Amino acid sequence: MPTYDPFKELQHIMNQAFSNGPRSLAMPMDLYKSGDDYVAEVDLPGVDPDSIDIDIDDRTITIRAERKTNSTRESGGWVIRERSYGTYARQLTVGSGLALDRIDANYADGVLTLTIPVAEEAKPRKVQVQRGESTKAVAGGDEVVPGSVEETSAKA
């Protein structure tokens, strides 16, 4: 007669709750604007930083990372196994106006932080209005452009 496993029922409920599987939750991300930068914080706990690969193709940023399983536990009798292992990927398609050639990436405490600066040409700016000289002057009813025509007076 099979033995009752209370964790098997829990595992079944968890699998139904996360019908897309735990891999869909493998790279949760927060994205926010800080000053002139966009910052993406991607959770990658237990990932070797050397396995993180970031590629940029046109306006698409692809993040790949691998979390390896502990082989000493592979042959053991699992009671419950919710943590996922393998290679994960996430793509971000960004609009124009970002300086993708100046992205900074930092991995600390299981979080990959991408800092994506706004391109200089995309930043809002003011145009200074210069005060200049008038290009036309009126002398004696005739139009004179300064510096191009000399005014002469006739003697009677």
C-alpha atoms as a PDB file:
ATOM      1  CA  MET A   1       0.000   0.000   0.000  1.00  0.00           C
ATOM      2  CA  PRO A   2       1.447   3.472  -0.949  1.00  0.00           C
ATOM      3  CA  THR A   3       2.317   5.775   1.920  1.00  0.00           C
ATOM      4  CA  TYR A   4       0.554   9.094   2.300  1.00  0.00           C
ATOM      5  CA  ASP A   5       2.714  12.077   1.343  1.00  0.00           C
ATOM      6  CA  PRO A   6       1.280  15.361   2.698  1.00  0.00           C
ATOM      7  CA  PHE A   7       3.702  17.392   0.586  1.00  0.00           C
ATOM      8  CA  LYS A   8       2.507  15.818  -2.666  1.00  0.00           C
ATOM      9  CA  GLU A   9      -0.912  17.446  -2.258  1.00  0.00           C
ATOM     10  CA  LEU A  10       0.754  20.802  -1.526  1.00  0.00           C
ATOM     11  CA  GLN A  11       2.948  20.402  -4.623  1.00  0.00           C
ATOM     12  CA  HIS A  12      -0.134  19.700  -6.745  1.00  0.00           C
ATOM     13  CA  ILE A  13      -1.871  22.844  -5.443  1.00  0.00           C
ATOM     14  CA  MET A  14       1.262  24.947  -6.074  1.00  0.00           C
ATOM     15  CA  ASN A  15       1.573  23.617  -9.630  1.00  0.00           C
ATOM     16  CA  GLN A  16      -2.042  24.563 -10.351  1.00  0.00           C
ATOM     17  CA  ALA A  17      -1.589  28.044  -8.859  1.00  0.00           C
ATOM     18  CA  PHE A  18       1.445  28.666 -11.067  1.00  0.00           C
ATOM     19  CA  SER A  19       0.129  26.995 -14.214  1.00  0.00           C
ATOM     20  CA  ASN A  20       2.836  28.639 -16.322  1.00  0.00           C
ATOM     21  CA  GLY A  21       5.416  26.935 -14.114  1.00  0.00           C
ATOM     22  CA  PRO A  22       8.086  28.452 -11.899  1.00  0.00           C
ATOM     23  CA  ARG A  23      10.221  29.347 -14.937  1.00  0.00           C
ATOM     24  CA  SER A  24       7.826  32.202 -15.783  1.00  0.00           C
ATOM     25  CA  LEU A  25       8.660  33.769 -12.429  1.00  0.00           C
ATOM     26  CA  ALA A  26      12.398  33.223 -12.780  1.00  0.00           C
ATOM     27  CA  MET A  27      13.373  36.800 -13.704  1.00  0.00           C
ATOM     28  CA  PRO A  28      11.025  39.270 -12.009  1.00  0.00           C
ATOM     29  CA  MET A  29      11.993  42.864 -12.729  1.00  0.00           C
ATOM     30  CA  ASP A  30      11.387  46.381 -11.461  1.00  0.00           C
ATOM     31  CA  LEU A  31      11.890  49.283 -13.898  1.00  0.00           C
ATOM     32  CA  TYR A  32      11.929  52.913 -12.861  1.00  0.00           C
ATOM     33  CA  LYS A  33      13.320  56.296 -13.882  1.00  0.00           C
ATOM     34  CA  SER A  34      15.974  57.948 -11.747  1.00  0.00           C
ATOM     35  CA  GLY A  35      17.061  61.373 -12.962  1.00  0.00           C
ATOM     36  CA  ASP A  36      18.253  60.992 -16.561  1.00  0.00           C
ATOM     37  CA  ASP A  37      18.516  57.189 -16.328  1.00  0.00           C
ATOM     38  CA  TYR A  38      16.172  54.240 -16.506  1.00  0.00           C
ATOM     39  CA  VAL A  39      17.028  51.527 -13.995  1.00  0.00           C
ATOM     40  CA  ALA A  40      16.028  47.877 -14.353  1.00  0.00           C
ATOM     41  CA  GLU A  41      16.495  45.618 -11.327  1.00  0.00           C
ATOM     42  CA  VAL A  42      16.241  41.944 -12.244  1.00  0.00           C
ATOM     43  CA  ASP A  43      16.113  39.249  -9.552  1.00  0.00           C
ATOM     44  CA  LEU A  44      18.631  36.491 -10.303  1.00  0.00           C
ATOM     45  CA  PRO A  45      19.256  34.757  -6.962  1.00  0.00           C
ATOM     46  CA  GLY A  46      21.768  31.945  -6.943  1.00  0.00           C
ATOM     47  CA  VAL A  47      23.165  32.820 -10.370  1.00  0.00           C
ATOM     48  CA  ASP A  48      26.906  32.796 -11.032  1.00  0.00           C
ATOM     49  CA  PRO A  49      27.732  36.337 -12.294  1.00  0.00           C
ATOM     50  CA  ASP A  50      29.941  34.785 -15.002  1.00  0.00           C
ATOM     51  CA  SER A  51      26.852  33.106 -16.498  1.00  0.00           C
ATOM     52  CA  ILE A  52      25.038  36.425 -17.033  1.00  0.00           C
ATOM     53  CA  ASP A  53      25.020  37.490 -20.693  1.00  0.00           C
ATOM     54  CA  ILE A  54      23.544  40.775 -21.909  1.00  0.00           C
ATOM     55  CA  ASP A  55      23.132  41.372 -25.654  1.00  0.00           C
ATOM     56  CA  ILE A  56      21.813  44.406 -27.491  1.00  0.00           C
ATOM     57  CA  ASP A  57      20.388  44.049 -30.984  1.00  0.00           C
ATOM     58  CA  ASP A  58      18.890  47.212 -32.418  1.00  0.00           C
ATOM     59  CA  ARG A  59      16.399  48.303 -29.676  1.00  0.00           C
ATOM     60  CA  THR A  60      16.173  44.912 -27.911  1.00  0.00           C
ATOM     61  CA  ILE A  61      18.109  44.071 -24.743  1.00  0.00           C
ATOM     62  CA  THR A  62      18.372  40.335 -24.049  1.00  0.00           C
ATOM     63  CA  ILE A  63      19.402  39.093 -20.603  1.00  0.00           C
ATOM     64  CA  ARG A  64      20.412  35.442 -20.191  1.00  0.00           C
ATOM     65  CA  ALA A  65      21.544  33.755 -16.990  1.00  0.00           C
ATOM     66  CA  GLU A  66      21.987  30.242 -15.725  1.00  0.00           C
ATOM     67  CA  ARG A  67      21.354  28.786 -12.309  1.00  0.00           C
ATOM     68  CA  LYS A  68      22.956  25.383 -11.972  1.00  0.00           C
ATOM     69  CA  THR A  69      21.549  22.637  -9.829  1.00  0.00           C
ATOM     70  CA  ASN A  70      23.517  21.169  -6.973  1.00  0.00           C
ATOM     71  CA  SER A  71      24.419  17.743  -8.339  1.00  0.00           C
ATOM     72  CA  THR A  72      24.899  16.248  -4.861  1.00  0.00           C
ATOM     73  CA  ARG A  73      21.168  16.534  -4.311  1.00  0.00           C
ATOM     74  CA  GLU A  74      20.177  15.132  -7.713  1.00  0.00           C
ATOM     75  CA  SER A  75      20.139  11.528  -6.520  1.00  0.00           C
ATOM     76  CA  GLY A  76      18.479  12.363  -3.195  1.00  0.00           C
ATOM     77  CA  GLY A  77      14.838  11.787  -2.400  1.00  0.00           C
ATOM     78  CA  TRP A  78      13.206  15.187  -2.841  1.00  0.00           C
ATOM     79  CA  VAL A  79      10.320  15.989  -0.526  1.00  0.00           C
ATOM     80  CA  ILE A  80       9.480  19.223  -2.356  1.00  0.00           C
ATOM     81  CA  ARG A  81      11.336  21.053  -5.106  1.00  0.00           C
ATOM     82  CA  GLU A  82      10.096  24.528  -6.068  1.00  0.00           C
ATOM     83  CA  ARG A  83      13.304  26.272  -7.045  1.00  0.00           C
ATOM     84  CA  SER A  84      13.939  26.170 -10.766  1.00  0.00           C
ATOM     85  CA  TYR A  85      17.270  25.614 -12.461  1.00  0.00           C
ATOM     86  CA  GLY A  86      18.558  26.068 -15.959  1.00  0.00           C
ATOM     87  CA  THR A  87      19.029  28.935 -18.403  1.00  0.00           C
ATOM     88  CA  TYR A  88      16.653  31.867 -18.248  1.00  0.00           C
ATOM     89  CA  ALA A  89      16.182  34.683 -20.723  1.00  0.00           C
ATOM     90  CA  ARG A  90      14.258  37.922 -20.755  1.00  0.00           C
ATOM     91  CA  GLN A  91      13.999  40.516 -23.504  1.00  0.00           C
ATOM     92  CA  LEU A  92      13.260  44.207 -23.176  1.00  0.00           C
ATOM     93  CA  THR A  93      12.335  46.204 -26.257  1.00  0.00           C
ATOM     94  CA  VAL A  94      13.052  49.871 -25.652  1.00  0.00           C
ATOM     95  CA  GLY A  95      12.138  52.976 -27.583  1.00  0.00           C
ATOM     96  CA  SER A  96      14.521  55.379 -29.218  1.00  0.00           C
ATOM     97  CA  GLY A  97      16.148  58.084 -27.166  1.00  0.00           C
ATOM     98  CA  LEU A  98      18.202  55.818 -24.913  1.00  0.00           C
ATOM     99  CA  ALA A  99      22.000  55.589 -25.000  1.00  0.00           C
ATOM    100  CA  LEU A 100      22.254  51.808 -25.378  1.00  0.00           C
ATOM    101  CA  ASP A 101      25.999  52.100 -25.941  1.00  0.00           C
ATOM    102  CA  ARG A 102      26.404  53.417 -22.380  1.00  0.00           C
ATOM    103  CA  ILE A 103      24.457  50.802 -20.360  1.00  0.00           C
ATOM    104  CA  ASP A 104      26.000  49.937 -16.999  1.00  0.00           C
ATOM    105  CA  ALA A 105      25.394  46.475 -15.492  1.00  0.00           C
ATOM    106  CA  ASN A 106      26.049  45.508 -11.876  1.00  0.00           C
ATOM    107  CA  TYR A 107      25.253  42.246 -10.066  1.00  0.00           C
ATOM    108  CA  ALA A 108      25.121  42.246  -6.257  1.00  0.00           C
ATOM    109  CA  ASP A 109      23.152  40.260  -3.688  1.00  0.00           C
ATOM    110  CA  GLY A 110      21.251  38.303  -6.350  1.00  0.00           C
ATOM    111  CA  VAL A 111      20.053  41.395  -8.205  1.00  0.00           C
ATOM    112  CA  LEU A 112      21.223  42.475 -11.667  1.00  0.00           C
ATOM    113  CA  THR A 113      20.947  46.255 -12.006  1.00  0.00           C
ATOM    114  CA  LEU A 114      20.997  47.786 -15.484  1.00  0.00           C
ATOM    115  CA  THR A 115      21.345  51.554 -15.685  1.00  0.00           C
ATOM    116  CA  ILE A 116      20.268  52.832 -19.097  1.00  0.00           C
ATOM    117  CA  PRO A 117      20.980  56.530 -19.680  1.00  0.00           C
ATOM    118  CA  VAL A 118      18.736  58.773 -21.753  1.00  0.00           C
ATOM    119  CA  ALA A 119      20.606  59.930 -24.875  1.00  0.00           C
ATOM    120  CA  GLU A 120      21.711  63.570 -24.821  1.00  0.00           C
ATOM    121  CA  GLU A 121      19.726  64.348 -27.982  1.00  0.00           C
ATOM    122  CA  ALA A 122      16.546  62.999 -26.358  1.00  0.00           C
ATOM    123  CA  LYS A 123      16.781  65.108 -23.200  1.00  0.00           C
ATOM    124  CA  PRO A 124      14.485  68.116 -22.985  1.00  0.00           C
ATOM    125  CA  ARG A 125      16.291  71.372 -23.515  1.00  0.00           C
ATOM    126  CA  LYS A 126      15.618  75.074 -23.823  1.00  0.00           C
ATOM    127  CA  VAL A 127      16.574  77.159 -26.797  1.00  0.00           C
ATOM    128  CA  GLN A 128      18.095  80.482 -25.784  1.00  0.00           C
ATOM    129  CA  VAL A 129      16.722  83.480 -27.663  1.00  0.00           C
ATOM    130  CA  GLN A 130      19.498  85.929 -28.548  1.00  0.00           C
ATOM    131  CA  ARG A 131      18.866  89.614 -28.707  1.00  0.00           C
ATOM    132  CA  GLY A 132      20.339  90.951 -31.925  1.00  0.00           C
ATOM    133  CA  GLU A 133      20.555  94.170 -33.902  1.00  0.00           C
ATOM    134  CA  SER A 134      17.809  95.194 -36.187  1.00  0.00           C
ATOM    135  CA  THR A 135      18.579  94.315 -39.785  1.00  0.00           C
ATOM    136  CA  LYS A 136      16.761  97.336 -41.168  1.00  0.00           C
ATOM    137  CA  ALA A 137      17.021 101.036 -40.362  1.00  0.00           C
ATOM    138  CA  VAL A 138      14.993 103.861 -41.876  1.00  0.00           C
ATOM    139  CA  ALA A 139      16.726 107.145 -42.673  1.00  0.00           C
ATOM    140  CA  GLY A 140      14.855 109.945 -44.399  1.00  0.00           C
ATOM    141  CA  GLY A 141      12.140 107.650 -45.611  1.00  0.00           C
ATOM    142  CA  ASP A 142      14.588 105.359 -47.416  1.00  0.00           C
ATOM    143  CA  GLU A 143      15.374 101.898 -46.162  1.00  0.00           C
ATOM    144  CA  VAL A 144      19.009 101.403 -45.224  1.00  0.00           C
ATOM    145  CA  VAL A 145      20.580  98.085 -44.325  1.00  0.00           C
ATOM    146  CA  PRO A 146      23.372  98.775 -41.864  1.00  0.00           C
ATOM    147  CA  GLY A 147      26.830  97.994 -43.191  1.00  0.00           C
ATOM    148  CA  SER A 148      25.738  97.551 -46.796  1.00  0.00           C
ATOM    149  CA  VAL A 149      24.782 101.030 -48.015  1.00  0.00           C
ATOM    150  CA  GLU A 150      26.373 104.297 -46.992  1.00  0.00           C
ATOM    151  CA  GLU A 151      24.056 107.190 -46.528  1.00  0.00           C
ATOM    152  CA  THR A 152      25.089 110.345 -48.394  1.00  0.00           C
ATOM    153  CA  SER A 153      23.594 113.777 -48.234  1.00  0.00           C
ATOM    154  CA  ALA A 154      23.394 116.092 -51.202  1.00  0.00           C
ATOM    155  CA  LYS A 155      24.229 119.788 -50.932  1.00  0.00           C
ATOM    156  CA  ALA A 156      21.963 122.250 -52.611  1.00  0.00           C
END
